C-alpha atoms as a PDB file:
ATOM      1  CA  ASP A   1       0.000   0.000   0.000  1.00  0.00           C
ATOM      2  CA  TYR A   2       1.132   3.538  -0.741  1.00  0.00           C
ATOM      3  CA  THR A   3       0.038   6.978   0.418  1.00  0.00           C
ATOM      4  CA  GLY A   4       0.935  10.366  -1.019  1.00  0.00           C
ATOM      5  CA  ASP A   5      -0.202  13.220  -3.221  1.00  0.00           C
ATOM      6  CA  SER A   6      -1.523  12.590  -6.720  1.00  0.00           C
ATOM      7  CA  PHE A   7       1.903  12.859  -8.363  1.00  0.00           C
ATOM      8  CA  ARG A   8       3.629  10.522  -5.886  1.00  0.00           C
ATOM      9  CA  LEU A   9       0.868   7.929  -6.076  1.00  0.00           C
ATOM     10  CA  ALA A  10       0.847   7.920  -9.868  1.00  0.00           C
ATOM     11  CA  GLY A  11       4.628   7.540  -9.834  1.00  0.00           C
ATOM     12  CA  GLN A  12       4.433   4.463  -7.590  1.00  0.00           C
ATOM     13  CA  ILE A  13       2.896   2.493 -10.449  1.00  0.00           C
ATOM     14  CA  ALA A  14       6.296   2.221 -12.132  1.00  0.00           C
ATOM     15  CA  ASN A  15       7.601   0.518  -8.970  1.00  0.00           C
ATOM     16  CA  ARG A  16       5.001  -2.274  -9.200  1.00  0.00           C
ATOM     17  CA  PRO A  17       5.222  -3.680 -12.750  1.00  0.00           C
ATOM     18  CA  GLU A  18       4.101  -7.102 -11.488  1.00  0.00           C
ATOM     19  CA  ALA A  19       0.744  -5.779 -10.244  1.00  0.00           C
ATOM     20  CA  ASP A  20      -2.186  -6.619 -12.498  1.00  0.00           C
ATOM     21  CA  TYR A  21      -4.644  -4.413 -10.641  1.00  0.00           C
ATOM     22  CA  ILE A  22      -4.190  -1.015  -9.038  1.00  0.00           C
ATOM     23  CA  VAL A  23      -6.945   0.029  -6.644  1.00  0.00           C
ATOM     24  CA  PHE A  24      -6.725   3.811  -6.525  1.00  0.00           C
ATOM     25  CA  CYS A  25      -8.476   5.277  -3.475  1.00  0.00           C
ATOM     26  CA  GLY A  26      -8.671   8.874  -4.599  1.00  0.00           C
ATOM     27  CA  VAL A  27     -10.548  11.142  -6.945  1.00  0.00           C
ATOM     28  CA  HIS A  28     -11.209  10.670 -10.652  1.00  0.00           C
ATOM     29  CA  PHE A  29      -8.327  12.766 -12.066  1.00  0.00           C
ATOM     30  CA  MET A  30      -5.830  10.881  -9.884  1.00  0.00           C
ATOM     31  CA  ALA A  31      -6.998   7.513 -11.189  1.00  0.00           C
ATOM     32  CA  GLU A  32      -6.861   8.872 -14.764  1.00  0.00           C
ATOM     33  CA  SER A  33      -3.224   9.896 -14.236  1.00  0.00           C
ATOM     34  CA  ALA A  34      -2.439   6.430 -12.916  1.00  0.00           C
ATOM     35  CA  ASP A  35      -4.171   4.854 -15.913  1.00  0.00           C
ATOM     36  CA  VAL A  36      -2.061   6.903 -18.326  1.00  0.00           C
ATOM     37  CA  LEU A  37       1.149   5.791 -16.593  1.00  0.00           C
ATOM     38  CA  CYS A  38       0.375   2.103 -16.048  1.00  0.00           C
ATOM     39  CA  ALA A  39       1.575  -0.777 -18.215  1.00  0.00           C
ATOM     40  CA  PRO A  40      -0.782  -2.235 -20.857  1.00  0.00           C
ATOM     41  CA  HIS A  41      -1.521  -5.326 -18.712  1.00  0.00           C
ATOM     42  CA  GLN A  42      -2.436  -3.271 -15.632  1.00  0.00           C
ATOM     43  CA  ARG A  43      -5.965  -2.179 -14.782  1.00  0.00           C
ATOM     44  CA  VAL A  44      -6.732   0.813 -12.569  1.00  0.00           C
ATOM     45  CA  ILE A  45      -9.813   0.484 -10.394  1.00  0.00           C
ATOM     46  CA  LEU A  46     -11.466   3.526  -8.826  1.00  0.00           C
ATOM     47  CA  PRO A  47     -13.801   2.212  -6.077  1.00  0.00           C
ATOM     48  CA  ASP A  48     -16.083   5.251  -6.233  1.00  0.00           C
ATOM     49  CA  LEU A  49     -16.629   6.512  -9.781  1.00  0.00           C
ATOM     50  CA  ALA A  50     -18.399   9.568  -8.366  1.00  0.00           C
ATOM     51  CA  ALA A  51     -15.289  10.653  -6.420  1.00  0.00           C
ATOM     52  CA  GLY A  52     -14.538  13.972  -8.022  1.00  0.00           C
ATOM     53  CA  CYS A  53     -12.584  17.160  -7.524  1.00  0.00           C
ATOM     54  CA  SER A  54     -14.598  20.349  -7.896  1.00  0.00           C
ATOM     55  CA  MET A  55     -11.528  22.261  -9.073  1.00  0.00           C
ATOM     56  CA  ALA A  56     -10.658  19.728 -11.784  1.00  0.00           C
ATOM     57  CA  ASP A  57     -14.286  19.894 -12.907  1.00  0.00           C
ATOM     58  CA  MET A  58     -13.991  23.685 -13.368  1.00  0.00           C
ATOM     59  CA  ALA A  59     -11.808  23.137 -16.453  1.00  0.00           C
ATOM     60  CA  ASP A  60     -14.048  21.802 -19.207  1.00  0.00           C
ATOM     61  CA  PRO A  61     -12.361  20.667 -22.464  1.00  0.00           C
ATOM     62  CA  GLU A  62     -14.916  22.427 -24.681  1.00  0.00           C
ATOM     63  CA  GLN A  63     -14.558  25.674 -22.739  1.00  0.00           C
ATOM     64  CA  LEU A  64     -10.775  25.376 -22.981  1.00  0.00           C
ATOM     65  CA  GLU A  65     -11.028  24.903 -26.751  1.00  0.00           C
ATOM     66  CA  THR A  66     -13.247  28.002 -26.942  1.00  0.00           C
ATOM     67  CA  CYS A  67     -10.761  29.968 -24.823  1.00  0.00           C
ATOM     68  CA  TRP A  68      -7.889  28.961 -27.121  1.00  0.00           C
ATOM     69  CA  GLU A  69      -9.874  29.979 -30.212  1.00  0.00           C
ATOM     70  CA  GLU A  70     -10.951  33.295 -28.682  1.00  0.00           C
ATOM     71  CA  LEU A  71      -7.380  34.160 -27.698  1.00  0.00           C
ATOM     72  CA  ALA A  72      -6.376  33.587 -31.334  1.00  0.00           C
ATOM     73  CA  GLN A  73      -9.309  35.705 -32.570  1.00  0.00           C
ATOM     74  CA  MET A  74      -8.108  38.567 -30.362  1.00  0.00           C
ATOM     75  CA  GLY A  75      -4.582  38.282 -31.739  1.00  0.00           C
ATOM     76  CA  ILE A  76      -3.082  37.014 -28.479  1.00  0.00           C
ATOM     77  CA  GLU A  77      -0.014  35.004 -29.463  1.00  0.00           C
ATOM     78  CA  GLY A  78       2.882  33.295 -27.724  1.00  0.00           C
ATOM     79  CA  VAL A  79       0.646  31.588 -25.146  1.00  0.00           C
ATOM     80  CA  ILE A  80       1.940  28.440 -23.455  1.00  0.00           C
ATOM     81  CA  PRO A  81      -0.763  26.422 -21.666  1.00  0.00           C
ATOM     82  CA  VAL A  82       0.101  24.933 -18.266  1.00  0.00           C
ATOM     83  CA  THR A  83      -2.274  22.771 -16.271  1.00  0.00           C
ATOM     84  CA  TYR A  84      -2.010  21.720 -12.671  1.00  0.00           C
ATOM     85  CA  ILE A  85      -1.876  17.941 -12.241  1.00  0.00           C
ATOM     86  CA  ASN A  86      -5.279  18.257 -10.543  1.00  0.00           C
ATOM     87  CA  SER A  87      -7.055  18.235 -13.895  1.00  0.00           C
ATOM     88  CA  ALA A  88      -8.720  15.718 -16.182  1.00  0.00           C
ATOM     89  CA  ALA A  89      -6.727  13.677 -18.701  1.00  0.00           C
ATOM     90  CA  SER A  90      -8.561  15.483 -21.519  1.00  0.00           C
ATOM     91  CA  ILE A  91      -7.212  18.820 -20.235  1.00  0.00           C
ATOM     92  CA  LYS A  92      -3.681  17.424 -19.945  1.00  0.00           C
ATOM     93  CA  THR A  93      -3.962  16.132 -23.521  1.00  0.00           C
ATOM     94  CA  PHE A  94      -5.148  19.509 -24.832  1.00  0.00           C
ATOM     95  CA  VAL A  95      -2.279  21.292 -23.090  1.00  0.00           C
ATOM     96  CA  GLY A  96       0.348  18.824 -24.310  1.00  0.00           C
ATOM     97  CA  GLU A  97      -0.885  18.990 -27.907  1.00  0.00           C
ATOM     98  CA  ARG A  98      -0.385  22.764 -27.845  1.00  0.00           C
ATOM     99  CA  GLY A  99       3.184  22.763 -26.571  1.00  0.00           C
ATOM    100  CA  GLY A 100       2.355  23.106 -22.893  1.00  0.00           C
ATOM    101  CA  THR A 101       2.899  20.930 -19.862  1.00  0.00           C
ATOM    102  CA  VAL A 102       1.555  19.719 -16.531  1.00  0.00           C
ATOM    103  CA  CYS A 103       2.827  20.966 -13.178  1.00  0.00           C
ATOM    104  CA  THR A 104       2.549  19.980  -9.539  1.00  0.00           C
ATOM    105  CA  SER A 105       2.426  22.366  -6.615  1.00  0.00           C
ATOM    106  CA  SER A 106       6.065  21.561  -5.824  1.00  0.00           C
ATOM    107  CA  ASN A 107       7.425  22.244  -9.331  1.00  0.00           C
ATOM    108  CA  ALA A 108       5.074  25.083 -10.355  1.00  0.00           C
ATOM    109  CA  ALA A 109       7.811  27.760 -10.266  1.00  0.00           C
ATOM    110  CA  ALA A 110      10.213  25.671 -12.361  1.00  0.00           C
ATOM    111  CA  THR A 111       7.379  24.911 -14.786  1.00  0.00           C
ATOM    112  CA  LEU A 112       6.448  28.589 -15.197  1.00  0.00           C
ATOM    113  CA  LYS A 113      10.119  29.411 -15.805  1.00  0.00           C
ATOM    114  CA  TRP A 114      10.207  26.672 -18.481  1.00  0.00           C
ATOM    115  CA  ALA A 115       7.029  28.039 -20.095  1.00  0.00           C
ATOM    116  CA  PHE A 116       8.280  31.640 -20.149  1.00  0.00           C
ATOM    117  CA  GLU A 117      11.408  30.441 -21.980  1.00  0.00           C
ATOM    118  CA  ARG A 118       9.061  29.221 -24.733  1.00  0.00           C
ATOM    119  CA  GLY A 119       6.399  31.907 -24.881  1.00  0.00           C
ATOM    120  CA  GLU A 120       5.399  35.396 -23.790  1.00  0.00           C
ATOM    121  CA  LYS A 121       2.307  34.414 -21.821  1.00  0.00           C
ATOM    122  CA  ILE A 122       1.008  31.483 -19.815  1.00  0.00           C
ATOM    123  CA  LEU A 123      -2.555  30.213 -19.732  1.00  0.00           C
ATOM    124  CA  PHE A 124      -2.672  28.555 -16.301  1.00  0.00           C
ATOM    125  CA  LEU A 125      -5.483  26.257 -15.246  1.00  0.00           C
ATOM    126  CA  PRO A 126      -7.517  25.182 -13.390  1.00  0.00           C
ATOM    127  CA  ASP A 127      -6.208  26.625 -10.078  1.00  0.00           C
ATOM    128  CA  GLN A 128      -5.986  30.394 -10.470  1.00  0.00           C
ATOM    129  CA  HIS A 129      -4.565  30.767  -6.951  1.00  0.00           C
ATOM    130  CA  LEU A 130      -1.617  28.418  -7.506  1.00  0.00           C
ATOM    131  CA  GLY A 131      -0.862  30.235 -10.763  1.00  0.00           C
ATOM    132  CA  ARG A 132      -1.179  33.699  -9.207  1.00  0.00           C
ATOM    133  CA  ASN A 133       0.793  32.923  -6.039  1.00  0.00           C
ATOM    134  CA  THR A 134       3.598  31.210  -7.942  1.00  0.00           C
ATOM    135  CA  ALA A 135       3.892  33.954 -10.575  1.00  0.00           C
ATOM    136  CA  TYR A 136       3.769  36.705  -7.945  1.00  0.00           C
ATOM    137  CA  LYS A 137       6.514  34.987  -5.944  1.00  0.00           C
ATOM    138  CA  MET A 138       8.566  34.916  -9.167  1.00  0.00           C
ATOM    139  CA  GLY A 139       8.230  38.703  -9.473  1.00  0.00           C
ATOM    140  CA  ILE A 140       5.328  39.048 -11.895  1.00  0.00           C
ATOM    141  CA  PRO A 141       3.126  41.927 -10.701  1.00  0.00           C
ATOM    142  CA  LEU A 142      -0.587  41.404 -10.164  1.00  0.00           C
ATOM    143  CA  ASP A 143      -1.428  43.973 -12.844  1.00  0.00           C
ATOM    144  CA  GLU A 144       0.163  41.623 -15.401  1.00  0.00           C
ATOM    145  CA  MET A 145      -2.301  38.866 -14.517  1.00  0.00           C
ATOM    146  CA  VAL A 146      -5.898  38.483 -15.682  1.00  0.00           C
ATOM    147  CA  VAL A 147      -8.593  35.972 -14.774  1.00  0.00           C
ATOM    148  CA  TRP A 148     -10.258  34.225 -17.709  1.00  0.00           C
ATOM    149  CA  ASP A 149     -13.882  33.367 -16.930  1.00  0.00           C
ATOM    150  CA  PRO A 150     -14.888  30.513 -19.267  1.00  0.00           C
ATOM    151  CA  ASN A 151     -18.556  31.409 -18.800  1.00  0.00           C
ATOM    152  CA  GLU A 152     -18.077  34.890 -20.286  1.00  0.00           C
ATOM    153  CA  ILE A 153     -17.536  35.910 -23.915  1.00  0.00           C
ATOM    154  CA  PHE A 154     -13.791  36.366 -24.477  1.00  0.00           C
ATOM    155  CA  GLY A 155     -13.284  35.351 -20.854  1.00  0.00           C
ATOM    156  CA  GLY A 156     -14.748  38.635 -19.659  1.00  0.00           C
ATOM    157  CA  VAL A 157     -11.346  40.252 -20.267  1.00  0.00           C
ATOM    158  CA  ASP A 158     -10.674  43.132 -22.648  1.00  0.00           C
ATOM    159  CA  VAL A 159      -8.043  42.732 -25.319  1.00  0.00           C
ATOM    160  CA  ASP A 160      -5.759  45.472 -23.946  1.00  0.00           C
ATOM    161  CA  ALA A 161      -5.594  43.763 -20.548  1.00  0.00           C
ATOM    162  CA  LEU A 162      -4.806  40.463 -22.285  1.00  0.00           C
ATOM    163  CA  LYS A 163      -2.026  42.055 -24.320  1.00  0.00           C
ATOM    164  CA  ARG A 164      -0.443  43.432 -21.124  1.00  0.00           C
ATOM    165  CA  ALA A 165      -0.867  40.194 -19.173  1.00  0.00           C
ATOM    166  CA  LYS A 166       1.875  37.649 -18.695  1.00  0.00           C
ATOM    167  CA  MET A 167      -0.433  35.277 -16.811  1.00  0.00           C
ATOM    168  CA  ILE A 168      -3.916  34.313 -18.001  1.00  0.00           C
ATOM    169  CA  LEU A 169      -5.453  32.566 -15.009  1.00  0.00           C
ATOM    170  CA  TRP A 170      -8.402  30.240 -15.522  1.00  0.00           C
ATOM    171  CA  LYS A 171     -11.275  31.040 -13.176  1.00  0.00           C
ATOM    172  CA  GLY A 172     -10.970  27.874 -11.095  1.00  0.00           C
ATOM    173  CA  HIS A 173     -10.209  27.171  -7.462  1.00  0.00           C
ATOM    174  CA  CYS A 174     -10.351  24.546  -4.737  1.00  0.00           C
ATOM    175  CA  SER A 175     -13.795  24.857  -3.194  1.00  0.00           C
ATOM    176  CA  VAL A 176     -12.395  23.724   0.169  1.00  0.00           C
ATOM    177  CA  HIS A 177      -9.429  26.115   0.285  1.00  0.00           C
ATOM    178  CA  VAL A 178     -11.538  29.199  -0.430  1.00  0.00           C
ATOM    179  CA  ARG A 179     -13.534  28.519   2.733  1.00  0.00           C
ATOM    180  CA  PHE A 180     -10.523  29.467   4.878  1.00  0.00           C
ATOM    181  CA  SER A 181      -9.866  33.117   5.684  1.00  0.00           C
ATOM    182  CA  ALA A 182      -6.973  35.114   7.129  1.00  0.00           C
ATOM    183  CA  ALA A 183      -9.267  36.047  10.032  1.00  0.00           C
ATOM    184  CA  GLN A 184      -9.766  32.366  10.875  1.00  0.00           C
ATOM    185  CA  ILE A 185      -6.010  31.804  10.932  1.00  0.00           C
ATOM    186  CA  ALA A 186      -5.500  34.884  13.136  1.00  0.00           C
ATOM    187  CA  ASN A 187      -8.152  33.559  15.520  1.00  0.00           C
ATOM    188  CA  VAL A 188      -6.461  30.146  15.753  1.00  0.00           C
ATOM    189  CA  ARG A 189      -3.098  31.844  16.407  1.00  0.00           C
ATOM    190  CA  LYS A 190      -4.715  33.853  19.192  1.00  0.00           C
ATOM    191  CA  GLN A 191      -6.223  30.730  20.750  1.00  0.00           C
ATOM    192  CA  HIS A 192      -3.009  28.703  20.397  1.00  0.00           C
ATOM    193  CA  PRO A 193       0.049  31.005  20.696  1.00  0.00           C
ATOM    194  CA  GLY A 194       3.102  29.641  18.917  1.00  0.00           C
ATOM    195  CA  ILE A 195       1.107  27.271  16.716  1.00  0.00           C
ATOM    196  CA  ARG A 196       2.639  26.470  13.333  1.00  0.00           C
ATOM    197  CA  VAL A 197       0.378  26.951  10.336  1.00  0.00           C
ATOM    198  CA  ILE A 198       1.098  24.809   7.284  1.00  0.00           C
ATOM    199  CA  VAL A 199      -0.422  25.994   4.017  1.00  0.00           C
ATOM    200  CA  HIS A 200      -0.796  24.115   0.741  1.00  0.00           C
ATOM    201  CA  PRO A 201       0.351  26.383  -2.115  1.00  0.00           C
END
């Protein structure tokens, strides 16, 4: 048995070539990643087919295709797509077919650096916060980032803002993480002086 994040668990498959069946106790996108990486004789079983990730579900392949077409219509060029590993296989495929890549939370900065060596802008999905926080930490100012809303025409962003932007952030987020606030953390610190707070990027 193995435990770990989605990337580590998917990587463990290579260490078990003799296994015929892999029972993946996680969400749908994690099992999809494992299925892509497994050997032809291996079968990945997801015990609960309804186990989903709300953030991964916020990036729809058809909406991504529309976004890509609308960026081209507006004359936005040099865009490298980057998707967080917490996304569906169809999104990863789309990104890879257009010269982009997949990142994890631990290699996001290195991945953005790689993408900027290949293009002028990055379309980052589905986690706008990981994209924003990583880019900001790398020195990209917030006024060079825009949020693309896939439910709006042309993402709800004007062409001038897109031309200035280095980061085009998909309007997606973890529905659990957004429930936490700075005030809640301050309150916990007050109740438990000296407590260490660990934050997922």
